[in-house]
């Protein structure tokens, strides 16, 4: 069942998002959506009002991570695993400028085809039983990214409840059960075609318990989280927390992030 078939769900989401509109799903017979590079076209007038950069454009000041894996290069944050630095557990670089509650986050990324990363938000630093010396492990919501685009766009709770909503789904998480699928944002394979091999633009809209992941101008996943609250030791619904980005266990890889900007409400 599509969002169009459930207008009550669409109205509910718009209300929960404070009036923000979800991009319409292309209807049968209409011209197919064509992905564009993230740095064109120009942003709509006033679309960037209220956003502030999370990097100073020079170095990693304000962020904390293991320099073995993270560096500033040109105009981008770079996370890289080499054959000599393969990790046994996921590690992050963490923004130390606050723990946002309701916000919008925009960032461009590109990565190697064998890479795996993600943007964590409303997260906490968590103990890592595999690598106890890893001071930069996180638990919390993640806007997933992988080079093969199997998972890109989904909502995954790192070190927690795992898959909360996959690409193309609107889900309701409640009662400790498997997420309930409320509707569809489009076929996952068709949405995958919107992801380019070069730079892509993520846009997260996080308000109250509604978590929206957009990529290259299209909504990829919406999660309504009514599960029991979590805290520093227990997975669950989080209403505020840290932002960080990940390098993942696996083969050597490289991911780049640029134009990180945040608007809090």
C-alpha atoms as a PDB file:
ATOM      1  CA  UNK A   1       0.000   0.000   0.000  1.00  0.00           C
ATOM      2  CA  UNK A   2       1.421   3.386  -1.000  1.00  0.00           C
ATOM      3  CA  UNK A   3       1.320   6.705   0.793  1.00  0.00           C
ATOM      4  CA  UNK A   4      -1.193   7.857  -1.809  1.00  0.00           C
ATOM      5  CA  UNK A   5      -3.510   5.046  -0.734  1.00  0.00           C
ATOM      6  CA  UNK A   6      -3.272   6.227   2.875  1.00  0.00           C
ATOM      7  CA  UNK A   7      -3.921   9.998   2.858  1.00  0.00           C
ATOM      8  CA  UNK A   8      -4.584   9.884   6.605  1.00  0.00           C
ATOM      9  CA  UNK A   9      -0.995   8.681   7.162  1.00  0.00           C
ATOM     10  CA  UNK A  10       0.393  11.436   4.938  1.00  0.00           C
ATOM     11  CA  UNK A  11      -1.555  14.112   6.811  1.00  0.00           C
ATOM     12  CA  UNK A  12      -0.403  12.672  10.136  1.00  0.00           C
ATOM     13  CA  UNK A  13       3.244  12.782   9.030  1.00  0.00           C
ATOM     14  CA  UNK A  14       2.935  16.344   7.783  1.00  0.00           C
ATOM     15  CA  UNK A  15       1.454  17.372  11.122  1.00  0.00           C
ATOM     16  CA  UNK A  16       4.156  15.608  13.120  1.00  0.00           C
ATOM     17  CA  UNK A  17       6.822  17.248  10.983  1.00  0.00           C
ATOM     18  CA  UNK A  18       5.469  20.671  11.755  1.00  0.00           C
ATOM     19  CA  UNK A  19       4.125  21.239   8.271  1.00  0.00           C
ATOM     20  CA  UNK A  20       7.116  19.901   6.374  1.00  0.00           C
ATOM     21  CA  UNK A  21       6.003  18.174   3.187  1.00  0.00           C
ATOM     22  CA  UNK A  22       7.155  14.758   2.076  1.00  0.00           C
ATOM     23  CA  UNK A  23       8.161  14.680  -1.611  1.00  0.00           C
ATOM     24  CA  UNK A  24       5.502  12.966  -3.657  1.00  0.00           C
ATOM     25  CA  UNK A  25       6.150   9.467  -4.940  1.00  0.00           C
ATOM     26  CA  UNK A  26       6.258   9.383  -8.747  1.00  0.00           C
ATOM     27  CA  UNK A  27       3.005   8.041 -10.125  1.00  0.00           C
ATOM     28  CA  UNK A  28       2.709   5.480 -12.884  1.00  0.00           C
ATOM     29  CA  UNK A  29       2.980   7.108 -16.287  1.00  0.00           C
ATOM     30  CA  UNK A  30       4.763  10.232 -15.062  1.00  0.00           C
ATOM     31  CA  UNK A  31       8.249  11.194 -16.201  1.00  0.00           C
ATOM     32  CA  UNK A  32      10.833   9.277 -14.084  1.00  0.00           C
ATOM     33  CA  UNK A  33      12.920  11.204 -11.590  1.00  0.00           C
ATOM     34  CA  UNK A  34      16.534  11.692 -12.733  1.00  0.00           C
ATOM     35  CA  UNK A  35      19.238  12.017 -10.073  1.00  0.00           C
ATOM     36  CA  UNK A  36      21.434  15.084 -10.157  1.00  0.00           C
ATOM     37  CA  UNK A  37      24.807  15.869  -8.691  1.00  0.00           C
ATOM     38  CA  UNK A  38      24.498  17.050  -5.119  1.00  0.00           C
ATOM     39  CA  UNK A  39      26.231  20.345  -5.867  1.00  0.00           C
ATOM     40  CA  UNK A  40      23.727  21.318  -8.549  1.00  0.00           C
ATOM     41  CA  UNK A  41      21.195  22.746  -9.055  1.00  0.00           C
ATOM     42  CA  UNK A  42      21.501  25.662  -6.675  1.00  0.00           C
ATOM     43  CA  UNK A  43      19.560  25.430  -3.411  1.00  0.00           C
ATOM     44  CA  UNK A  44      16.115  27.009  -3.395  1.00  0.00           C
ATOM     45  CA  UNK A  45      15.919  30.574  -2.118  1.00  0.00           C
ATOM     46  CA  UNK A  46      15.896  30.650   1.713  1.00  0.00           C
ATOM     47  CA  UNK A  47      16.314  26.861   1.867  1.00  0.00           C
ATOM     48  CA  UNK A  48      19.536  27.296   3.854  1.00  0.00           C
ATOM     49  CA  UNK A  49      18.194  29.899   6.277  1.00  0.00           C
ATOM     50  CA  UNK A  50      19.069  29.047   9.875  1.00  0.00           C
ATOM     51  CA  UNK A  51      21.742  26.463   9.061  1.00  0.00           C
ATOM     52  CA  UNK A  52      25.251  26.742  10.484  1.00  0.00           C
ATOM     53  CA  UNK A  53      28.375  24.797   9.469  1.00  0.00           C
ATOM     54  CA  UNK A  54      29.728  22.082  11.777  1.00  0.00           C
ATOM     55  CA  UNK A  55      33.294  22.418  10.425  1.00  0.00           C
ATOM     56  CA  UNK A  56      35.462  25.516  10.255  1.00  0.00           C
ATOM     57  CA  UNK A  57      36.739  24.539   6.801  1.00  0.00           C
ATOM     58  CA  UNK A  58      40.331  24.230   7.987  1.00  0.00           C
ATOM     59  CA  UNK A  59      40.689  21.313  10.422  1.00  0.00           C
ATOM     60  CA  UNK A  60      38.871  18.955  12.807  1.00  0.00           C
ATOM     61  CA  UNK A  61      38.458  21.446  15.670  1.00  0.00           C
ATOM     62  CA  UNK A  62      35.232  20.672  17.531  1.00  0.00           C
ATOM     63  CA  UNK A  63      35.293  17.011  16.532  1.00  0.00           C
ATOM     64  CA  UNK A  64      36.823  14.031  18.340  1.00  0.00           C
ATOM     65  CA  UNK A  65      37.950  10.776  16.756  1.00  0.00           C
ATOM     66  CA  UNK A  66      40.934   8.510  16.236  1.00  0.00           C
ATOM     67  CA  UNK A  67      43.394  10.310  13.898  1.00  0.00           C
ATOM     68  CA  UNK A  68      44.442   6.915  12.599  1.00  0.00           C
ATOM     69  CA  UNK A  69      41.159   6.881  10.654  1.00  0.00           C
ATOM     70  CA  UNK A  70      40.079  10.521  10.309  1.00  0.00           C
ATOM     71  CA  UNK A  71      41.651  13.624   8.752  1.00  0.00           C
ATOM     72  CA  UNK A  72      40.792  16.939   7.100  1.00  0.00           C
ATOM     73  CA  UNK A  73      41.685  17.070   3.402  1.00  0.00           C
ATOM     74  CA  UNK A  74      40.868  19.972   1.085  1.00  0.00           C
ATOM     75  CA  UNK A  75      37.281  20.890   1.922  1.00  0.00           C
ATOM     76  CA  UNK A  76      36.242  17.503   3.302  1.00  0.00           C
ATOM     77  CA  UNK A  77      36.306  15.264   6.339  1.00  0.00           C
ATOM     78  CA  UNK A  78      37.921  11.997   5.257  1.00  0.00           C
ATOM     79  CA  UNK A  79      37.528   8.630   6.944  1.00  0.00           C
ATOM     80  CA  UNK A  80      39.856   5.960   5.636  1.00  0.00           C
ATOM     81  CA  UNK A  81      40.801   2.391   6.502  1.00  0.00           C
ATOM     82  CA  UNK A  82      44.015   1.069   4.946  1.00  0.00           C
ATOM     83  CA  UNK A  83      45.360  -2.493   4.879  1.00  0.00           C
ATOM     84  CA  UNK A  84      47.512  -1.513   7.873  1.00  0.00           C
ATOM     85  CA  UNK A  85      44.637  -0.018   9.909  1.00  0.00           C
ATOM     86  CA  UNK A  86      41.767  -2.488   9.411  1.00  0.00           C
ATOM     87  CA  UNK A  87      39.343  -2.151  12.349  1.00  0.00           C
ATOM     88  CA  UNK A  88      37.784  -4.926  14.434  1.00  0.00           C
ATOM     89  CA  UNK A  89      34.832  -2.772  15.456  1.00  0.00           C
ATOM     90  CA  UNK A  90      33.102   0.317  14.071  1.00  0.00           C
ATOM     91  CA  UNK A  91      34.606   3.647  15.095  1.00  0.00           C
ATOM     92  CA  UNK A  92      33.326   7.219  14.761  1.00  0.00           C
ATOM     93  CA  UNK A  93      34.395  10.813  14.735  1.00  0.00           C
ATOM     94  CA  UNK A  94      32.029  12.732  17.027  1.00  0.00           C
ATOM     95  CA  UNK A  95      30.870  16.360  16.925  1.00  0.00           C
ATOM     96  CA  UNK A  96      31.353  17.856  20.378  1.00  0.00           C
ATOM     97  CA  UNK A  97      29.387  21.055  19.800  1.00  0.00           C
ATOM     98  CA  UNK A  98      26.173  19.821  21.393  1.00  0.00           C
ATOM     99  CA  UNK A  99      23.559  17.068  21.604  1.00  0.00           C
ATOM    100  CA  UNK A 100      20.705  18.226  19.338  1.00  0.00           C
ATOM    101  CA  UNK A 101      17.077  17.298  19.932  1.00  0.00           C
ATOM    102  CA  UNK A 102      14.946  18.593  17.035  1.00  0.00           C
ATOM    103  CA  UNK A 103      16.957  19.603  13.994  1.00  0.00           C
ATOM    104  CA  UNK A 104      17.693  19.379  10.297  1.00  0.00           C
ATOM    105  CA  UNK A 105      21.106  18.153   9.151  1.00  0.00           C
ATOM    106  CA  UNK A 106      22.478  18.427   5.624  1.00  0.00           C
ATOM    107  CA  UNK A 107      25.726  16.943   4.316  1.00  0.00           C
ATOM    108  CA  UNK A 108      27.238  15.724   1.056  1.00  0.00           C
ATOM    109  CA  UNK A 109      29.164  12.450   0.899  1.00  0.00           C
ATOM    110  CA  UNK A 110      30.927  10.123  -1.491  1.00  0.00           C
ATOM    111  CA  UNK A 111      32.634   6.808  -0.848  1.00  0.00           C
ATOM    112  CA  UNK A 112      34.472   3.941  -2.452  1.00  0.00           C
ATOM    113  CA  UNK A 113      32.407   1.076  -3.824  1.00  0.00           C
ATOM    114  CA  UNK A 114      33.488  -1.294  -1.042  1.00  0.00           C
ATOM    115  CA  UNK A 115      32.886   1.234   1.746  1.00  0.00           C
ATOM    116  CA  UNK A 116      30.450   1.326   4.635  1.00  0.00           C
ATOM    117  CA  UNK A 117      29.647   4.337   6.782  1.00  0.00           C
ATOM    118  CA  UNK A 118      26.740   6.225   8.300  1.00  0.00           C
ATOM    119  CA  UNK A 119      25.638   9.422  10.021  1.00  0.00           C
ATOM    120  CA  UNK A 120      24.684   8.852  13.648  1.00  0.00           C
ATOM    121  CA  UNK A 121      22.407  11.256  15.531  1.00  0.00           C
ATOM    122  CA  UNK A 122      20.643  11.334  18.913  1.00  0.00           C
ATOM    123  CA  UNK A 123      23.402   8.925  19.910  1.00  0.00           C
ATOM    124  CA  UNK A 124      25.627   8.160  22.895  1.00  0.00           C
ATOM    125  CA  UNK A 125      29.182   6.885  23.269  1.00  0.00           C
ATOM    126  CA  UNK A 126      28.828   3.177  24.068  1.00  0.00           C
ATOM    127  CA  UNK A 127      31.192   0.524  25.455  1.00  0.00           C
ATOM    128  CA  UNK A 128      32.677  -1.697  22.758  1.00  0.00           C
ATOM    129  CA  UNK A 129      33.055  -5.303  23.937  1.00  0.00           C
ATOM    130  CA  UNK A 130      35.008  -6.296  20.812  1.00  0.00           C
ATOM    131  CA  UNK A 131      37.600  -3.522  21.142  1.00  0.00           C
ATOM    132  CA  UNK A 132      37.490  -2.157  24.713  1.00  0.00           C
ATOM    133  CA  UNK A 133      40.123   0.449  23.803  1.00  0.00           C
ATOM    134  CA  UNK A 134      37.767   1.962  21.192  1.00  0.00           C
ATOM    135  CA  UNK A 135      36.711   5.258  22.801  1.00  0.00           C
ATOM    136  CA  UNK A 136      34.676   6.263  19.783  1.00  0.00           C
ATOM    137  CA  UNK A 137      32.006   3.570  19.489  1.00  0.00           C
ATOM    138  CA  UNK A 138      28.447   4.906  19.362  1.00  0.00           C
ATOM    139  CA  UNK A 139      24.907   3.662  19.843  1.00  0.00           C
ATOM    140  CA  UNK A 140      21.914   5.386  18.294  1.00  0.00           C
ATOM    141  CA  UNK A 141      20.018   6.231  15.136  1.00  0.00           C
ATOM    142  CA  UNK A 142      22.003   6.058  11.923  1.00  0.00           C
ATOM    143  CA  UNK A 143      21.356   7.318   8.407  1.00  0.00           C
ATOM    144  CA  UNK A 144      23.038   4.377   6.721  1.00  0.00           C
ATOM    145  CA  UNK A 145      25.492   4.537   3.793  1.00  0.00           C
ATOM    146  CA  UNK A 146      27.230   1.734   1.915  1.00  0.00           C
ATOM    147  CA  UNK A 147      29.106   1.683  -1.373  1.00  0.00           C
ATOM    148  CA  UNK A 148      26.932  -1.039  -2.892  1.00  0.00           C
ATOM    149  CA  UNK A 149      23.779   0.866  -1.811  1.00  0.00           C
ATOM    150  CA  UNK A 150      22.174  -2.156  -0.216  1.00  0.00           C
ATOM    151  CA  UNK A 151      21.452  -0.169   2.953  1.00  0.00           C
ATOM    152  CA  UNK A 152      21.901   3.483   1.947  1.00  0.00           C
ATOM    153  CA  UNK A 153      18.970   5.621   3.091  1.00  0.00           C
ATOM    154  CA  UNK A 154      17.666   3.326   5.808  1.00  0.00           C
ATOM    155  CA  UNK A 155      17.378   3.995   9.541  1.00  0.00           C
ATOM    156  CA  UNK A 156      19.540   1.600  11.541  1.00  0.00           C
ATOM    157  CA  UNK A 157      20.084   1.776  15.293  1.00  0.00           C
ATOM    158  CA  UNK A 158      23.793   1.093  15.817  1.00  0.00           C
ATOM    159  CA  UNK A 159      24.402  -1.249  18.789  1.00  0.00           C
ATOM    160  CA  UNK A 160      20.683  -1.199  19.510  1.00  0.00           C
ATOM    161  CA  UNK A 161      17.421  -2.288  17.902  1.00  0.00           C
ATOM    162  CA  UNK A 162      19.082  -2.556  14.455  1.00  0.00           C
ATOM    163  CA  UNK A 163      16.793  -2.121  11.404  1.00  0.00           C
ATOM    164  CA  UNK A 164      14.089   0.447  12.242  1.00  0.00           C
ATOM    165  CA  UNK A 165      13.120   1.264   8.659  1.00  0.00           C
ATOM    166  CA  UNK A 166      14.591   0.209   5.333  1.00  0.00           C
ATOM    167  CA  UNK A 167      14.734   2.226   2.115  1.00  0.00           C
ATOM    168  CA  UNK A 168      11.241   2.945   0.797  1.00  0.00           C
ATOM    169  CA  UNK A 169       9.432   2.289   4.084  1.00  0.00           C
ATOM    170  CA  UNK A 170       7.349   4.345   6.486  1.00  0.00           C
ATOM    171  CA  UNK A 171       7.447   2.434   9.775  1.00  0.00           C
ATOM    172  CA  UNK A 172       6.044   2.654  13.293  1.00  0.00           C
ATOM    173  CA  UNK A 173       8.284   1.316  16.072  1.00  0.00           C
ATOM    174  CA  UNK A 174       6.447   0.516  19.293  1.00  0.00           C
ATOM    175  CA  UNK A 175       6.175  -1.999  22.106  1.00  0.00           C
ATOM    176  CA  UNK A 176       9.561  -3.622  21.525  1.00  0.00           C
ATOM    177  CA  UNK A 177       8.179  -5.391  18.452  1.00  0.00           C
ATOM    178  CA  UNK A 178       9.452  -5.610  14.888  1.00  0.00           C
ATOM    179  CA  UNK A 179       8.799  -2.276  13.100  1.00  0.00           C
ATOM    180  CA  UNK A 180       5.305  -2.027  11.623  1.00  0.00           C
ATOM    181  CA  UNK A 181       5.252  -0.960   7.968  1.00  0.00           C
ATOM    182  CA  UNK A 182       2.645   1.788   7.513  1.00  0.00           C
ATOM    183  CA  UNK A 183       3.262   2.587   3.866  1.00  0.00           C
ATOM    184  CA  UNK A 184       5.660   2.872   0.956  1.00  0.00           C
ATOM    185  CA  UNK A 185       7.742   5.743  -0.386  1.00  0.00           C
ATOM    186  CA  UNK A 186       8.577   3.859  -3.554  1.00  0.00           C
ATOM    187  CA  UNK A 187      10.261   0.700  -4.768  1.00  0.00           C
ATOM    188  CA  UNK A 188      13.661   0.276  -3.036  1.00  0.00           C
ATOM    189  CA  UNK A 189      15.389  -0.598  -6.305  1.00  0.00           C
ATOM    190  CA  UNK A 190      13.949   2.462  -8.044  1.00  0.00           C
ATOM    191  CA  UNK A 191      15.023   4.671  -5.134  1.00  0.00           C
ATOM    192  CA  UNK A 192      18.494   3.140  -5.370  1.00  0.00           C
ATOM    193  CA  UNK A 193      18.791   4.558  -8.894  1.00  0.00           C
ATOM    194  CA  UNK A 194      18.713   8.064  -7.406  1.00  0.00           C
ATOM    195  CA  UNK A 195      22.052   7.461  -5.655  1.00  0.00           C
ATOM    196  CA  UNK A 196      25.052   8.516  -7.717  1.00  0.00           C
ATOM    197  CA  UNK A 197      28.582   7.080  -7.783  1.00  0.00           C
ATOM    198  CA  UNK A 198      29.958  10.547  -6.983  1.00  0.00           C
ATOM    199  CA  UNK A 199      28.717  13.123  -4.449  1.00  0.00           C
ATOM    200  CA  UNK A 200      25.275  12.628  -2.881  1.00  0.00           C
ATOM    201  CA  UNK A 201      23.296  14.912  -0.562  1.00  0.00           C
ATOM    202  CA  UNK A 202      21.759  13.653   2.674  1.00  0.00           C
ATOM    203  CA  UNK A 203      19.068  15.701   4.423  1.00  0.00           C
ATOM    204  CA  UNK A 204      17.783  14.539   7.807  1.00  0.00           C
ATOM    205  CA  UNK A 205      14.620  16.051   9.315  1.00  0.00           C
ATOM    206  CA  UNK A 206      14.383  15.006  12.971  1.00  0.00           C
ATOM    207  CA  UNK A 207      11.437  16.336  14.972  1.00  0.00           C
ATOM    208  CA  UNK A 208       9.973  14.818  18.112  1.00  0.00           C
ATOM    209  CA  UNK A 209       9.654  11.087  17.397  1.00  0.00           C
ATOM    210  CA  UNK A 210       9.504  11.369  13.579  1.00  0.00           C
ATOM    211  CA  UNK A 211      12.786  10.649  11.784  1.00  0.00           C
ATOM    212  CA  UNK A 212      12.965  11.465   8.059  1.00  0.00           C
ATOM    213  CA  UNK A 213      15.906  10.477   5.837  1.00  0.00           C
ATOM    214  CA  UNK A 214      16.106  12.216   2.450  1.00  0.00           C
ATOM    215  CA  UNK A 215      18.742  11.674  -0.226  1.00  0.00           C
ATOM    216  CA  UNK A 216      19.249  13.737  -3.375  1.00  0.00           C
ATOM    217  CA  UNK A 217      15.880  15.401  -2.871  1.00  0.00           C
ATOM    218  CA  UNK A 218      13.798  12.257  -2.323  1.00  0.00           C
ATOM    219  CA  UNK A 219      12.475  10.760   0.888  1.00  0.00           C
ATOM    220  CA  UNK A 220      14.095   7.363   1.459  1.00  0.00           C
ATOM    221  CA  UNK A 221      12.774   6.375   4.873  1.00  0.00           C
ATOM    222  CA  UNK A 222      10.444   7.645   7.616  1.00  0.00           C
ATOM    223  CA  UNK A 223      10.400   6.163  11.129  1.00  0.00           C
ATOM    224  CA  UNK A 224       7.873   7.056  13.826  1.00  0.00           C
ATOM    225  CA  UNK A 225       9.476   5.861  17.053  1.00  0.00           C
ATOM    226  CA  UNK A 226       7.045   5.272  19.937  1.00  0.00           C
ATOM    227  CA  UNK A 227       9.178   2.607  21.597  1.00  0.00           C
ATOM    228  CA  UNK A 228      10.206   2.781  25.240  1.00  0.00           C
ATOM    229  CA  UNK A 229      12.819   5.464  26.018  1.00  0.00           C
ATOM    230  CA  UNK A 230      16.485   4.561  25.909  1.00  0.00           C
ATOM    231  CA  UNK A 231      19.358   5.970  27.912  1.00  0.00           C
ATOM    232  CA  UNK A 232      23.135   5.755  28.197  1.00  0.00           C
ATOM    233  CA  UNK A 233      23.000   2.028  28.962  1.00  0.00           C
ATOM    234  CA  UNK A 234      19.780   0.797  27.297  1.00  0.00           C
ATOM    235  CA  UNK A 235      18.739   0.945  23.608  1.00  0.00           C
ATOM    236  CA  UNK A 236      15.425   2.635  22.876  1.00  0.00           C
ATOM    237  CA  UNK A 237      13.824   5.852  21.709  1.00  0.00           C
ATOM    238  CA  UNK A 238      16.227   8.759  22.126  1.00  0.00           C
ATOM    239  CA  UNK A 239      15.059  12.372  22.024  1.00  0.00           C
ATOM    240  CA  UNK A 240      18.483  14.046  21.956  1.00  0.00           C
ATOM    241  CA  UNK A 241      22.113  13.046  21.573  1.00  0.00           C
ATOM    242  CA  UNK A 242      25.420  13.238  19.768  1.00  0.00           C
ATOM    243  CA  UNK A 243      26.155  13.444  16.039  1.00  0.00           C
ATOM    244  CA  UNK A 244      28.961  11.363  14.531  1.00  0.00           C
ATOM    245  CA  UNK A 245      30.061   9.628  11.343  1.00  0.00           C
ATOM    246  CA  UNK A 246      31.431   6.121  10.998  1.00  0.00           C
ATOM    247  CA  UNK A 247      34.046   3.928   9.414  1.00  0.00           C
ATOM    248  CA  UNK A 248      32.818   0.351   9.466  1.00  0.00           C
ATOM    249  CA  UNK A 249      34.377  -3.046   9.968  1.00  0.00           C
ATOM    250  CA  UNK A 250      35.372  -4.513   6.599  1.00  0.00           C
ATOM    251  CA  UNK A 251      37.938  -4.119   3.837  1.00  0.00           C
ATOM    252  CA  UNK A 252      39.996  -0.964   3.228  1.00  0.00           C
ATOM    253  CA  UNK A 253      37.714   1.919   2.266  1.00  0.00           C
ATOM    254  CA  UNK A 254      37.434   5.687   2.028  1.00  0.00           C
ATOM    255  CA  UNK A 255      34.498   8.015   2.724  1.00  0.00           C
ATOM    256  CA  UNK A 256      34.388  11.808   2.343  1.00  0.00           C
ATOM    257  CA  UNK A 257      31.934  14.271   3.902  1.00  0.00           C
ATOM    258  CA  UNK A 258      31.610  17.963   3.061  1.00  0.00           C
ATOM    259  CA  UNK A 259      29.218  20.858   3.694  1.00  0.00           C
ATOM    260  CA  UNK A 260      28.021  19.611   7.096  1.00  0.00           C
ATOM    261  CA  UNK A 261      25.394  22.072   8.326  1.00  0.00           C
ATOM    262  CA  UNK A 262      22.834  21.998  11.111  1.00  0.00           C
ATOM    263  CA  UNK A 263      19.652  23.853  11.991  1.00  0.00           C
ATOM    264  CA  UNK A 264      18.205  23.312  15.473  1.00  0.00           C
ATOM    265  CA  UNK A 265      14.640  24.072  16.557  1.00  0.00           C
END
